[in-house]
Amino acid sequence: MEREVLAAIIRENLQDGKLYCEKAYRLAAAHGVKLWQIGQICEEEKIKITGCQLGCF
């Protein structure tokens, strides 16, 4: 999947400008990408991941 398409999907799923960790997992599974790709795009786009289930963010 192209980066820009995935970035747009991520932006569509933000709540209060943030992406919830659970949503990141769901997006990765639904679009056949690795979770690290979601994280990398969020980092590049300065999108904060919140509500991490592992306490990483």
N, C-alpha and C. Protein backbone atom coordinates (compact mmCIF):
# COMPACT_ATOMS: atom_id res chain seq x y z
N MET A 1 0.85 -1.17 0.00
CA MET A 1 0.00 0.00 0.00
C MET A 1 0.90 1.24 0.00
N GLU A 2 0.52 2.23 -0.79
CA GLU A 2 1.30 3.45 -0.87
C GLU A 2 1.24 4.23 0.44
N ARG A 3 2.35 4.87 0.75
CA ARG A 3 2.46 5.61 2.00
C ARG A 3 1.39 6.69 2.12
N GLU A 4 1.17 7.45 1.05
CA GLU A 4 0.20 8.54 1.11
C GLU A 4 -1.22 8.04 1.34
N VAL A 5 -1.56 6.92 0.76
CA VAL A 5 -2.89 6.33 0.96
C VAL A 5 -3.04 5.91 2.42
N LEU A 6 -2.02 5.25 2.93
CA LEU A 6 -2.05 4.80 4.32
C LEU A 6 -2.08 6.00 5.28
N ALA A 7 -1.33 7.03 4.98
CA ALA A 7 -1.34 8.24 5.81
C ALA A 7 -2.73 8.87 5.84
N ALA A 8 -3.40 8.89 4.70
CA ALA A 8 -4.75 9.45 4.63
C ALA A 8 -5.72 8.62 5.47
N ILE A 9 -5.57 7.30 5.42
CA ILE A 9 -6.43 6.41 6.21
C ILE A 9 -6.20 6.66 7.69
N ILE A 10 -4.95 6.82 8.07
CA ILE A 10 -4.63 7.10 9.48
C ILE A 10 -5.27 8.41 9.90
N ARG A 11 -5.11 9.46 9.09
CA ARG A 11 -5.69 10.76 9.43
C ARG A 11 -7.21 10.69 9.58
N GLU A 12 -7.86 9.86 8.78
CA GLU A 12 -9.32 9.70 8.87
C GLU A 12 -9.74 9.05 10.18
N ASN A 13 -8.83 8.35 10.83
CA ASN A 13 -9.16 7.60 12.04
C ASN A 13 -8.66 8.26 13.32
N LEU A 14 -8.23 9.50 13.24
CA LEU A 14 -7.75 10.21 14.43
C LEU A 14 -8.93 10.65 15.29
N GLN A 15 -8.70 10.66 16.58
CA GLN A 15 -9.65 11.19 17.55
C GLN A 15 -8.90 12.26 18.33
N ASP A 16 -9.38 13.47 18.27
CA ASP A 16 -8.72 14.60 18.93
C ASP A 16 -7.27 14.73 18.49
N GLY A 17 -7.01 14.43 17.22
CA GLY A 17 -5.67 14.56 16.67
C GLY A 17 -4.72 13.45 17.03
N LYS A 18 -5.22 12.40 17.67
CA LYS A 18 -4.37 11.28 18.11
C LYS A 18 -4.93 9.97 17.55
N LEU A 19 -4.04 8.99 17.44
CA LEU A 19 -4.44 7.66 17.01
C LEU A 19 -4.35 6.72 18.20
N TYR A 20 -5.44 6.10 18.51
CA TYR A 20 -5.43 5.14 19.62
C TYR A 20 -4.74 3.86 19.19
N CYS A 21 -3.97 3.30 20.09
CA CYS A 21 -3.18 2.10 19.81
C CYS A 21 -4.04 0.97 19.26
N GLU A 22 -5.17 0.75 19.87
CA GLU A 22 -6.06 -0.31 19.41
C GLU A 22 -6.46 -0.08 17.95
N LYS A 23 -6.72 1.16 17.59
CA LYS A 23 -7.09 1.51 16.23
C LYS A 23 -5.92 1.26 15.28
N ALA A 24 -4.70 1.53 15.73
CA ALA A 24 -3.51 1.28 14.92
C ALA A 24 -3.40 -0.21 14.59
N TYR A 25 -3.64 -1.06 15.58
CA TYR A 25 -3.62 -2.51 15.35
C TYR A 25 -4.68 -2.90 14.33
N ARG A 26 -5.86 -2.35 14.48
CA ARG A 26 -6.96 -2.69 13.56
C ARG A 26 -6.68 -2.22 12.14
N LEU A 27 -6.13 -1.02 12.00
CA LEU A 27 -5.80 -0.51 10.67
C LEU A 27 -4.74 -1.38 10.00
N ALA A 28 -3.72 -1.76 10.75
CA ALA A 28 -2.66 -2.60 10.19
C ALA A 28 -3.24 -3.92 9.69
N ALA A 29 -4.08 -4.54 10.49
CA ALA A 29 -4.68 -5.83 10.10
C ALA A 29 -5.62 -5.66 8.90
N ALA A 30 -6.43 -4.63 8.92
CA ALA A 30 -7.42 -4.42 7.87
C ALA A 30 -6.79 -4.10 6.52
N HIS A 31 -5.61 -3.48 6.54
CA HIS A 31 -5.00 -3.04 5.29
C HIS A 31 -3.76 -3.84 4.92
N GLY A 32 -3.50 -4.89 5.67
CA GLY A 32 -2.41 -5.81 5.33
C GLY A 32 -1.03 -5.20 5.42
N VAL A 33 -0.83 -4.33 6.40
CA VAL A 33 0.49 -3.72 6.61
C VAL A 33 0.99 -4.08 8.00
N LYS A 34 2.27 -3.91 8.20
CA LYS A 34 2.86 -4.18 9.51
C LYS A 34 2.58 -3.01 10.46
N LEU A 35 2.47 -3.31 11.72
CA LEU A 35 2.19 -2.29 12.72
C LEU A 35 3.29 -1.22 12.75
N TRP A 36 4.53 -1.62 12.50
CA TRP A 36 5.62 -0.66 12.51
C TRP A 36 5.45 0.38 11.40
N GLN A 37 4.80 -0.01 10.28
CA GLN A 37 4.56 0.94 9.20
C GLN A 37 3.58 2.04 9.66
N ILE A 38 2.57 1.64 10.41
CA ILE A 38 1.63 2.61 10.96
C ILE A 38 2.39 3.54 11.90
N GLY A 39 3.22 2.98 12.77
CA GLY A 39 4.00 3.78 13.71
C GLY A 39 4.95 4.71 13.01
N GLN A 40 5.59 4.26 11.94
CA GLN A 40 6.54 5.10 11.21
C GLN A 40 5.83 6.29 10.58
N ILE A 41 4.68 6.06 9.98
CA ILE A 41 3.92 7.16 9.38
C ILE A 41 3.47 8.14 10.46
N CYS A 42 3.01 7.62 11.58
CA CYS A 42 2.60 8.50 12.67
C CYS A 42 3.76 9.36 13.14
N GLU A 43 4.93 8.77 13.24
CA GLU A 43 6.11 9.53 13.67
C GLU A 43 6.45 10.62 12.65
N GLU A 44 6.44 10.26 11.38
CA GLU A 44 6.76 11.22 10.32
C GLU A 44 5.74 12.36 10.26
N GLU A 45 4.47 12.03 10.52
CA GLU A 45 3.40 13.02 10.44
C GLU A 45 3.16 13.73 11.77
N LYS A 46 3.98 13.41 12.77
CA LYS A 46 3.85 14.01 14.11
C LYS A 46 2.48 13.71 14.74
N ILE A 47 2.00 12.49 14.52
CA ILE A 47 0.74 12.04 15.09
C ILE A 47 1.07 11.22 16.33
N LYS A 48 0.48 11.59 17.44
CA LYS A 48 0.73 10.89 18.69
C LYS A 48 -0.16 9.65 18.77
N ILE A 49 0.45 8.54 19.19
CA ILE A 49 -0.30 7.31 19.45
C ILE A 49 -0.58 7.29 20.93
N THR A 50 -1.82 7.07 21.29
CA THR A 50 -2.22 7.13 22.69
C THR A 50 -2.97 5.87 23.10
N GLY A 51 -3.09 5.67 24.39
CA GLY A 51 -3.82 4.51 24.91
C GLY A 51 -3.13 3.20 24.60
N CYS A 52 -1.81 3.22 24.63
CA CYS A 52 -1.06 2.02 24.25
C CYS A 52 -1.32 0.89 25.26
N GLN A 53 -1.58 -0.27 24.72
CA GLN A 53 -1.85 -1.43 25.55
C GLN A 53 -0.60 -1.97 26.22
N LEU A 54 0.58 -1.61 25.69
CA LEU A 54 1.82 -2.09 26.27
C LEU A 54 2.56 -1.01 27.05
N GLY A 55 2.03 0.20 27.05
CA GLY A 55 2.67 1.29 27.75
C GLY A 55 3.86 1.87 26.98
N CYS A 56 3.91 1.65 25.69
CA CYS A 56 5.05 2.12 24.88
C CYS A 56 4.92 3.58 24.48
N PHE A 57 3.71 4.10 24.41
CA PHE A 57 3.51 5.47 23.91
C PHE A 57 2.88 6.33 24.98
